[in-house]
Amino acid sequence: MALASLLGAIVSYLVLWLGARTLSTADNTVLLTFFSILFAVYGVLSGVATETTRSVATSIRDDRTVGPPVWVAGAAVAVITGALVLALSPWWQPEVLHRTSPVLVGVLAVGAVGYTFHSAVMGSLVGSGWWREAAVVLTADALCRFALCLLVVLAIGASTTLLAAASAGGAGAWLLVLLAKPHVREALRRRTDSAPRVLARRMSASVLAQAASAILIVGFPALLSVTTSKADFRHSAPLLLAISLTRAPVLIPLNAVQGLVVSHLVHAPSVGLRLVLRAVALVGAVTALGGVLAWLVGPWLMATLFGADYRVDGAVLAGLTVGACAIAALTLSGAATQASSAHTWFVGGWTLAAVVAFLVLLAPGSIEQRSVTALVAGPAAGLLVHALGFVRAMSRRRHRRQEEVTHDG
């Protein structure tokens, strides 16, 4: 899983590099903004993965299979998501993408449907403890995405629409794995732990929390787009690229770690808690080291890799690194809260983080100042909510166990 996540991070860098080297800064701004929308939708749909992980793991632990199969739940969410993307596009497309492009909306809808099933498969595999197969699905997604983007650049010619479609095409890679791996087919047939109505409510809570999460993690450029004048935003590709580069090394591996945390906290709470604490400590170390490196060598590195037009001030890069690590800590606290079935606190933490970040972006200041402040202040507020919810959930669990022991005695 670690190697597959690392490969995903590398592929993300390569795709960003292809866009920066083959498109103008104006066209690349559109592509980067589309990527933020696409991966924001993917981020929302990762809620399907985490709740499926919890549901399947609980079903196996308690030997309770009263819910619908994973593929049924995934299909229902896929239909709803695709329809919403198409139905709501007239409201968000002109403001976010700053141009009319119906093809990009279609690409987004197709990618969303494919990624819904990807999330359902990943959640069931992780909940079942089939880590090797889950890593194969992650690897296939990354390799397929890069192969399609490279094919576009070398054989057809780079354009915003074609690179967008190629990147979204990776969401269908799970179909290839489905044909080759029996465990993947079995994962889709796994039954969940709750009746359809209860599962729908929990899935909705998970998706809602991930929606707020996606706004901060991959949808942040879209937030900048709607809170910044078109003239100022038009040439913001260097900042958007810096945001993506500073968070990819931390956040992409966490997409896999989330499922690991949820699974361990369901099956072995003490082991899962130690895993969370170690991960938070690692995030702190990355923050310290990454912030210093970003300040010292970040501007030179961006200018060298992407061209002189993409140079960003070192202080901004350091601040963005701290913001990325703050979101990483919030992601871990959210996974722990969800695994404890404290869904209300889980949703509340991410929602507060998104609201605080949005309010900061509405404040006066340069686009760089507003970005750094929002990416630090928002996650800090959400982290406090998650911590309180997790502590309360653990306290209730200990209280129930004491009552059970007293009753048995």
Protein backbone atom coordinates (compact mmCIF):
# COMPACT_ATOMS: atom_id res chain seq x y z
CA MET A 1 0.00 0.00 0.00
CA ALA A 2 2.86 2.38 0.82
CA LEU A 3 4.57 1.73 -2.50
CA ALA A 4 1.31 2.10 -4.42
CA SER A 5 0.62 5.41 -2.68
CA LEU A 6 4.15 6.61 -3.45
CA LEU A 7 3.62 5.72 -7.11
CA GLY A 8 0.40 7.74 -7.08
CA ALA A 9 2.28 10.75 -5.72
CA ILE A 10 4.97 10.43 -8.41
CA VAL A 11 2.37 10.16 -11.16
CA SER A 12 0.62 13.26 -9.87
CA TYR A 13 3.88 15.19 -10.12
CA LEU A 14 4.51 13.90 -13.65
CA VAL A 15 1.04 14.86 -14.85
CA LEU A 16 1.45 18.36 -13.36
CA TRP A 17 4.84 18.61 -15.08
CA LEU A 18 3.36 17.57 -18.44
CA GLY A 19 0.69 20.23 -18.17
CA ALA A 20 3.15 22.97 -17.20
CA ARG A 21 5.56 22.08 -20.00
CA THR A 22 3.04 21.64 -22.83
CA LEU A 23 0.38 24.30 -22.14
CA SER A 24 0.45 28.07 -21.78
CA THR A 25 0.08 29.44 -18.26
CA ALA A 26 -3.49 30.54 -19.05
CA ASP A 27 -4.49 27.09 -20.38
CA ASN A 28 -2.66 25.38 -17.54
CA THR A 29 -4.60 27.50 -15.05
CA VAL A 30 -7.79 26.06 -16.53
CA LEU A 31 -6.35 22.52 -16.41
CA LEU A 32 -5.18 22.90 -12.81
CA THR A 33 -8.58 24.29 -11.84
CA PHE A 34 -10.29 21.35 -13.56
CA PHE A 35 -7.97 18.98 -11.72
CA SER A 36 -8.98 20.63 -8.47
CA ILE A 37 -12.66 20.02 -9.31
CA LEU A 38 -12.05 16.45 -10.49
CA PHE A 39 -10.05 15.47 -7.44
CA ALA A 40 -12.44 17.38 -5.20
CA VAL A 41 -15.19 15.08 -6.50
CA TYR A 42 -12.85 12.12 -5.99
CA GLY A 43 -12.22 13.37 -2.47
CA VAL A 44 -15.95 13.47 -1.77
CA LEU A 45 -16.33 9.96 -3.14
CA SER A 46 -13.53 8.69 -0.93
CA GLY A 47 -16.20 8.86 1.75
CA VAL A 48 -17.66 5.80 0.05
CA ALA A 49 -14.35 4.02 0.62
CA THR A 50 -13.99 4.88 4.31
CA GLU A 51 -17.60 4.04 5.19
CA THR A 52 -17.42 0.82 3.14
CA THR A 53 -14.24 -0.07 5.02
CA ARG A 54 -15.96 0.48 8.38
CA SER A 55 -19.11 -1.36 7.31
CA VAL A 56 -17.35 -4.40 5.82
CA ALA A 57 -14.88 -4.64 8.72
CA THR A 58 -17.74 -4.47 11.24
CA SER A 59 -19.73 -7.02 9.25
CA ILE A 60 -16.82 -9.46 9.36
CA ARG A 61 -16.06 -8.78 13.03
CA ASP A 62 -19.65 -9.21 14.21
CA ASP A 63 -20.66 -11.78 11.56
CA ARG A 64 -23.55 -9.50 10.60
CA THR A 65 -24.48 -9.31 6.90
CA VAL A 66 -27.86 -7.59 6.91
CA GLY A 67 -26.91 -4.83 4.46
CA PRO A 68 -26.84 -4.73 0.66
CA PRO A 69 -23.79 -5.93 -1.31
CA VAL A 70 -21.01 -3.42 -1.85
CA TRP A 71 -21.64 -3.22 -5.59
CA VAL A 72 -25.29 -2.24 -5.03
CA ALA A 73 -24.33 0.57 -2.65
CA GLY A 74 -21.62 1.73 -5.06
CA ALA A 75 -23.98 1.72 -8.05
CA ALA A 76 -26.55 3.82 -6.17
CA VAL A 77 -23.96 6.44 -5.24
CA ALA A 78 -22.52 6.42 -8.80
CA VAL A 79 -25.89 7.17 -10.40
CA ILE A 80 -26.62 9.99 -7.94
CA THR A 81 -23.16 11.51 -8.32
CA GLY A 82 -23.16 11.47 -12.12
CA ALA A 83 -26.62 13.04 -12.23
CA LEU A 84 -25.66 15.77 -9.75
CA VAL A 85 -22.52 16.71 -11.68
CA LEU A 86 -24.51 17.17 -14.88
CA ALA A 87 -27.51 18.85 -13.26
CA LEU A 88 -25.49 21.38 -11.24
CA SER A 89 -22.92 22.24 -13.92
CA PRO A 90 -24.75 25.38 -15.21
CA TRP A 91 -24.33 26.96 -11.75
CA TRP A 92 -20.65 26.22 -11.07
CA GLN A 93 -18.99 25.89 -14.48
CA PRO A 94 -18.97 29.55 -15.63
CA GLU A 95 -17.68 30.85 -12.30
CA VAL A 96 -15.14 28.14 -11.51
CA LEU A 97 -13.68 27.35 -14.94
CA HIS A 98 -14.19 30.90 -16.27
CA ARG A 99 -15.09 29.55 -19.72
CA THR A 100 -17.77 27.46 -21.39
CA SER A 101 -16.59 23.88 -21.91
CA PRO A 102 -19.38 21.27 -21.94
CA VAL A 103 -16.91 18.50 -22.77
CA LEU A 104 -15.09 19.02 -19.47
CA VAL A 105 -18.37 18.60 -17.60
CA GLY A 106 -18.95 15.28 -19.37
CA VAL A 107 -15.41 14.19 -18.55
CA LEU A 108 -16.02 15.07 -14.91
CA ALA A 109 -19.27 13.07 -14.79
CA VAL A 110 -17.70 9.96 -16.35
CA GLY A 111 -14.69 10.17 -14.05
CA ALA A 112 -16.97 10.52 -11.01
CA VAL A 113 -18.95 7.39 -11.91
CA GLY A 114 -15.78 5.37 -12.42
CA TYR A 115 -14.22 6.59 -9.19
CA THR A 116 -17.33 5.71 -7.18
CA PHE A 117 -16.80 2.05 -8.00
CA HIS A 118 -13.06 2.44 -7.40
CA SER A 119 -13.84 3.72 -3.89
CA ALA A 120 -16.32 0.93 -3.20
CA VAL A 121 -13.79 -1.70 -4.30
CA MET A 122 -10.99 -0.13 -2.24
CA GLY A 123 -13.17 0.15 0.86
CA SER A 124 -14.27 -3.47 0.69
CA LEU A 125 -10.74 -4.76 0.05
CA VAL A 126 -9.29 -2.81 2.98
CA GLY A 127 -12.19 -3.76 5.25
CA SER A 128 -11.58 -7.40 4.34
CA GLY A 129 -7.86 -7.12 5.06
CA TRP A 130 -6.86 -7.81 1.44
CA TRP A 131 -4.07 -5.28 1.31
CA ARG A 132 -2.21 -6.74 -1.67
CA GLU A 133 -5.27 -6.50 -3.93
CA ALA A 134 -5.98 -2.98 -2.68
CA ALA A 135 -2.41 -1.98 -3.59
CA VAL A 136 -2.90 -3.45 -7.06
CA VAL A 137 -6.02 -1.33 -7.60
CA LEU A 138 -4.14 1.82 -6.47
CA THR A 139 -1.22 0.99 -8.75
CA ALA A 140 -3.47 0.35 -11.75
CA ASP A 141 -5.18 3.71 -11.23
CA ALA A 142 -1.86 5.59 -11.16
CA LEU A 143 -0.29 3.76 -14.13
CA CYS A 144 -3.40 4.06 -16.26
CA ARG A 145 -3.65 7.79 -15.57
CA PHE A 146 -0.02 8.41 -16.49
CA ALA A 147 -0.10 6.18 -19.58
CA LEU A 148 -3.14 7.97 -20.98
CA CYS A 149 -1.65 11.43 -20.33
CA LEU A 150 1.65 10.44 -21.91
CA LEU A 151 -0.19 9.00 -24.92
CA VAL A 152 -2.04 12.28 -25.38
CA VAL A 153 1.15 14.35 -25.29
CA LEU A 154 3.23 12.09 -27.55
CA ALA A 155 0.69 10.76 -30.04
CA ILE A 156 -2.09 13.34 -30.28
CA GLY A 157 -0.91 16.66 -28.91
CA ALA A 158 -1.51 18.26 -25.56
CA SER A 159 -4.64 20.28 -24.91
CA THR A 160 -6.61 21.14 -21.79
CA THR A 161 -9.52 18.89 -22.75
CA LEU A 162 -7.44 15.88 -23.77
CA LEU A 163 -5.21 15.96 -20.68
CA ALA A 164 -8.31 16.34 -18.50
CA ALA A 165 -9.95 13.33 -20.15
CA ALA A 166 -6.78 11.25 -19.90
CA SER A 167 -6.41 11.97 -16.20
CA ALA A 168 -10.06 11.10 -15.52
CA GLY A 169 -9.65 7.87 -17.49
CA GLY A 170 -7.53 6.38 -14.72
CA ALA A 171 -10.68 6.04 -12.60
CA GLY A 172 -11.72 3.08 -14.73
CA ALA A 173 -8.55 1.07 -14.07
CA TRP A 174 -10.36 -1.03 -11.43
CA LEU A 175 -12.21 -2.77 -14.28
CA LEU A 176 -8.92 -4.23 -15.53
CA VAL A 177 -8.06 -5.51 -12.05
CA LEU A 178 -11.59 -6.90 -11.69
CA LEU A 179 -10.97 -9.23 -14.62
CA ALA A 180 -7.68 -10.52 -13.22
CA LYS A 181 -8.22 -10.72 -9.43
CA PRO A 182 -10.94 -12.97 -7.92
CA HIS A 183 -10.68 -11.14 -4.58
CA VAL A 184 -11.74 -7.91 -6.27
CA ARG A 185 -14.87 -9.58 -7.61
CA GLU A 186 -15.54 -11.06 -4.18
CA ALA A 187 -15.01 -7.64 -2.57
CA LEU A 188 -17.83 -6.20 -4.66
CA ARG A 189 -20.11 -9.02 -3.53
CA ARG A 190 -19.37 -8.50 0.18
CA ARG A 191 -22.43 -7.56 2.23
CA THR A 192 -22.44 -4.55 4.53
CA ASP A 193 -23.36 -4.44 8.21
CA SER A 194 -26.47 -2.22 8.18
CA ALA A 195 -29.92 -2.13 6.66
CA PRO A 196 -30.16 0.01 3.49
CA ARG A 197 -31.68 3.03 5.27
CA VAL A 198 -29.06 3.04 8.03
CA LEU A 199 -26.25 2.46 5.55
CA ALA A 200 -27.53 5.31 3.38
CA ARG A 201 -27.55 7.67 6.37
CA ARG A 202 -24.02 6.71 7.40
CA MET A 203 -22.77 6.84 3.82
CA SER A 204 -24.31 10.30 3.43
CA ALA A 205 -22.57 11.51 6.60
CA SER A 206 -19.25 10.14 5.37
CA VAL A 207 -19.67 11.71 1.93
CA LEU A 208 -20.71 15.04 3.47
CA ALA A 209 -17.62 15.08 5.67
CA GLN A 210 -15.44 14.18 2.72
CA ALA A 211 -17.08 16.97 0.72
CA ALA A 212 -15.81 19.48 3.26
CA SER A 213 -12.49 17.63 3.24
CA ALA A 214 -12.28 17.78 -0.54
CA ILE A 215 -12.85 21.53 -0.51
CA LEU A 216 -9.68 21.97 1.52
CA ILE A 217 -7.58 19.19 0.04
CA VAL A 218 -8.11 19.28 -3.73
CA GLY A 219 -10.90 21.80 -4.26
CA PHE A 220 -9.01 24.71 -2.75
CA PRO A 221 -8.05 26.20 -6.15
CA ALA A 222 -11.75 26.28 -7.01
CA LEU A 223 -12.40 28.20 -3.77
CA LEU A 224 -9.67 30.64 -4.75
CA SER A 225 -11.30 30.99 -8.15
CA VAL A 226 -14.64 32.12 -6.73
CA THR A 227 -13.09 34.45 -4.11
CA THR A 228 -10.59 36.15 -6.45
CA SER A 229 -11.18 38.47 -9.38
CA LYS A 230 -10.84 36.88 -12.80
CA ALA A 231 -8.01 39.24 -13.70
CA ASP A 232 -5.94 38.25 -10.64
CA PHE A 233 -6.78 34.56 -10.90
CA ARG A 234 -6.02 34.23 -14.61
CA HIS A 235 -2.26 33.96 -14.06
CA SER A 236 -2.30 32.17 -10.71
CA ALA A 237 -1.00 28.88 -12.14
CA PRO A 238 2.31 29.16 -10.18
CA LEU A 239 0.45 29.40 -6.85
CA LEU A 240 -1.99 26.61 -7.79
CA LEU A 241 0.92 24.40 -8.79
CA ALA A 242 2.73 25.23 -5.53
CA ILE A 243 -0.36 24.22 -3.54
CA SER A 244 -0.47 20.87 -5.34
CA LEU A 245 3.27 20.24 -5.01
CA THR A 246 3.49 21.00 -1.29
CA ARG A 247 0.59 18.74 -0.35
CA ALA A 248 1.04 15.74 -2.65
CA PRO A 249 3.90 14.08 -0.67
CA VAL A 250 1.82 14.24 2.54
CA LEU A 251 -1.79 13.86 1.46
CA ILE A 252 -1.65 11.23 -1.29
CA PRO A 253 -0.28 8.49 1.00
CA LEU A 254 -2.93 9.44 3.57
CA ASN A 255 -5.69 8.36 1.19
CA ALA A 256 -4.48 4.80 1.74
CA VAL A 257 -3.67 5.29 5.43
CA GLN A 258 -7.25 6.42 6.16
CA GLY A 259 -8.59 2.97 5.38
CA LEU A 260 -5.81 1.37 7.39
CA VAL A 261 -6.66 3.52 10.44
CA VAL A 262 -10.39 2.77 10.18
CA SER A 263 -9.84 -0.97 9.77
CA HIS A 264 -7.45 -1.21 12.74
CA LEU A 265 -9.63 0.93 15.00
CA VAL A 266 -12.60 -1.36 14.27
CA HIS A 267 -10.75 -4.66 14.70
CA ALA A 268 -8.11 -3.64 17.29
CA PRO A 269 -8.73 -0.21 18.86
CA SER A 270 -5.48 -0.10 20.86
CA VAL A 271 -3.39 -0.91 17.78
CA GLY A 272 -5.30 1.62 15.71
CA LEU A 273 -4.81 4.36 18.29
CA ARG A 274 -1.06 3.78 18.35
CA LEU A 275 -1.06 3.93 14.56
CA VAL A 276 -2.83 7.31 14.64
CA LEU A 277 -0.41 8.74 17.21
CA ARG A 278 2.62 7.57 15.23
CA ALA A 279 1.21 9.03 12.04
CA VAL A 280 0.55 12.39 13.72
CA ALA A 281 4.13 12.42 15.04
CA LEU A 282 5.38 11.71 11.52
CA VAL A 283 3.27 14.56 10.17
CA GLY A 284 4.87 16.89 12.73
CA ALA A 285 8.35 15.85 11.64
CA VAL A 286 7.46 16.34 7.97
CA THR A 287 6.10 19.80 8.79
CA ALA A 288 9.36 20.90 10.39
CA LEU A 289 11.66 19.47 7.73
CA GLY A 290 9.43 20.19 4.74
CA GLY A 291 8.83 23.80 5.76
CA VAL A 292 12.55 24.54 6.01
CA LEU A 293 13.34 22.85 2.69
CA ALA A 294 10.46 24.59 0.94
CA TRP A 295 11.73 27.97 2.15
CA LEU A 296 15.34 27.36 1.17
CA VAL A 297 15.23 25.44 -2.10
CA GLY A 298 11.56 25.57 -3.14
CA PRO A 299 11.74 28.71 -5.35
CA TRP A 300 14.81 27.47 -7.20
CA LEU A 301 13.32 23.99 -7.64
CA MET A 302 10.04 25.26 -9.09
CA ALA A 303 11.79 27.60 -11.51
CA THR A 304 14.16 24.81 -12.59
CA LEU A 305 11.50 22.15 -13.11
CA PHE A 306 8.64 24.22 -14.49
CA GLY A 307 10.24 27.38 -15.89
CA ALA A 308 10.93 30.91 -14.68
CA ASP A 309 7.23 31.83 -14.84
CA TYR A 310 6.55 29.34 -12.01
CA ARG A 311 8.86 30.79 -9.37
CA VAL A 312 7.09 31.24 -5.98
CA ASP A 313 8.46 32.98 -2.87
CA GLY A 314 10.04 30.66 -0.29
CA ALA A 315 7.96 31.99 2.61
CA VAL A 316 4.78 31.16 0.67
CA LEU A 317 6.01 27.63 -0.07
CA ALA A 318 6.88 27.09 3.60
CA GLY A 319 3.45 28.32 4.68
CA LEU A 320 1.73 26.05 2.16
CA THR A 321 3.75 23.10 3.50
CA VAL A 322 2.57 23.81 7.04
CA GLY A 323 -0.99 24.07 5.72
CA ALA A 324 -0.70 20.71 3.95
CA CYS A 325 0.52 19.04 7.14
CA ALA A 326 -2.33 20.64 9.11
CA ILE A 327 -4.79 19.06 6.67
CA ALA A 328 -2.95 15.75 7.04
CA ALA A 329 -3.44 15.84 10.81
CA LEU A 330 -7.11 16.68 10.30
CA THR A 331 -7.46 13.74 7.90
CA LEU A 332 -6.06 11.34 10.50
CA SER A 333 -8.25 12.72 13.28
CA GLY A 334 -11.26 12.42 10.99
CA ALA A 335 -10.53 8.76 10.22
CA ALA A 336 -10.22 8.01 13.93
CA THR A 337 -13.49 9.80 14.69
CA GLN A 338 -15.36 7.97 11.94
CA ALA A 339 -14.01 4.58 13.00
CA SER A 340 -15.38 5.31 16.47
CA SER A 341 -18.85 5.78 14.87
CA ALA A 342 -18.87 9.44 15.95
CA HIS A 343 -20.20 10.49 12.55
CA THR A 344 -21.67 13.79 13.78
CA TRP A 345 -18.31 14.96 15.15
CA PHE A 346 -16.60 13.68 11.99
CA VAL A 347 -18.85 15.81 9.79
CA GLY A 348 -18.69 18.77 12.18
CA GLY A 349 -14.90 18.94 12.20
CA TRP A 350 -14.52 18.96 8.43
CA THR A 351 -17.43 21.36 7.95
CA LEU A 352 -16.02 23.87 10.44
CA ALA A 353 -12.59 23.62 8.79
CA ALA A 354 -14.07 24.38 5.35
CA VAL A 355 -16.19 27.27 6.65
CA VAL A 356 -13.26 28.88 8.48
CA ALA A 357 -11.02 28.54 5.40
CA PHE A 358 -13.68 30.10 3.15
CA LEU A 359 -14.21 33.03 5.51
CA VAL A 360 -10.46 33.67 5.57
CA LEU A 361 -10.39 33.73 1.77
CA LEU A 362 -13.05 36.46 1.80
CA ALA A 363 -10.80 38.69 3.92
CA PRO A 364 -8.61 41.36 2.32
CA GLY A 365 -5.03 40.56 1.37
CA SER A 366 -3.01 39.09 -1.47
CA ILE A 367 -3.98 35.73 -2.92
CA GLU A 368 -0.84 34.20 -1.38
CA GLN A 369 -1.53 35.57 2.11
CA ARG A 370 -5.15 34.44 2.05
CA SER A 371 -4.23 30.97 0.80
CA VAL A 372 -1.65 30.25 3.49
CA THR A 373 -3.80 31.59 6.33
CA ALA A 374 -6.88 29.67 5.20
CA LEU A 375 -4.98 26.39 4.86
CA VAL A 376 -3.67 26.65 8.43
CA ALA A 377 -6.60 28.21 10.32
CA GLY A 378 -9.32 25.98 8.84
CA PRO A 379 -7.74 22.59 9.69
CA ALA A 380 -6.74 23.83 13.16
CA ALA A 381 -10.39 24.56 13.99
CA GLY A 382 -11.57 21.22 12.63
CA LEU A 383 -8.88 19.30 14.50
CA LEU A 384 -10.21 20.57 17.83
CA VAL A 385 -13.71 19.29 17.00
CA HIS A 386 -12.43 15.85 15.97
CA ALA A 387 -10.31 15.54 19.09
CA LEU A 388 -13.28 16.32 21.32
CA GLY A 389 -15.53 13.88 19.44
CA PHE A 390 -12.97 11.07 19.58
CA VAL A 391 -12.39 11.53 23.32
CA ARG A 392 -16.15 11.45 23.97
CA ALA A 393 -16.58 8.33 21.82
CA MET A 394 -13.78 6.51 23.65
CA SER A 395 -15.27 7.52 26.99
CA ARG A 396 -18.67 6.12 26.00
CA ARG A 397 -17.05 2.90 24.81
CA ARG A 398 -15.21 2.41 28.12
CA HIS A 399 -18.43 3.17 30.03
CA ARG A 400 -20.34 0.52 28.06
CA ARG A 401 -17.64 -2.06 28.69
CA GLN A 402 -17.72 -1.33 32.42
CA GLU A 403 -21.50 -1.78 32.42
CA GLU A 404 -21.15 -5.08 30.56
CA VAL A 405 -18.57 -6.34 33.05
CA THR A 406 -20.77 -5.27 35.96
CA HIS A 407 -23.82 -6.94 34.41
CA ASP A 408 -21.93 -10.18 33.68
CA GLY A 409 -20.60 -10.19 37.24
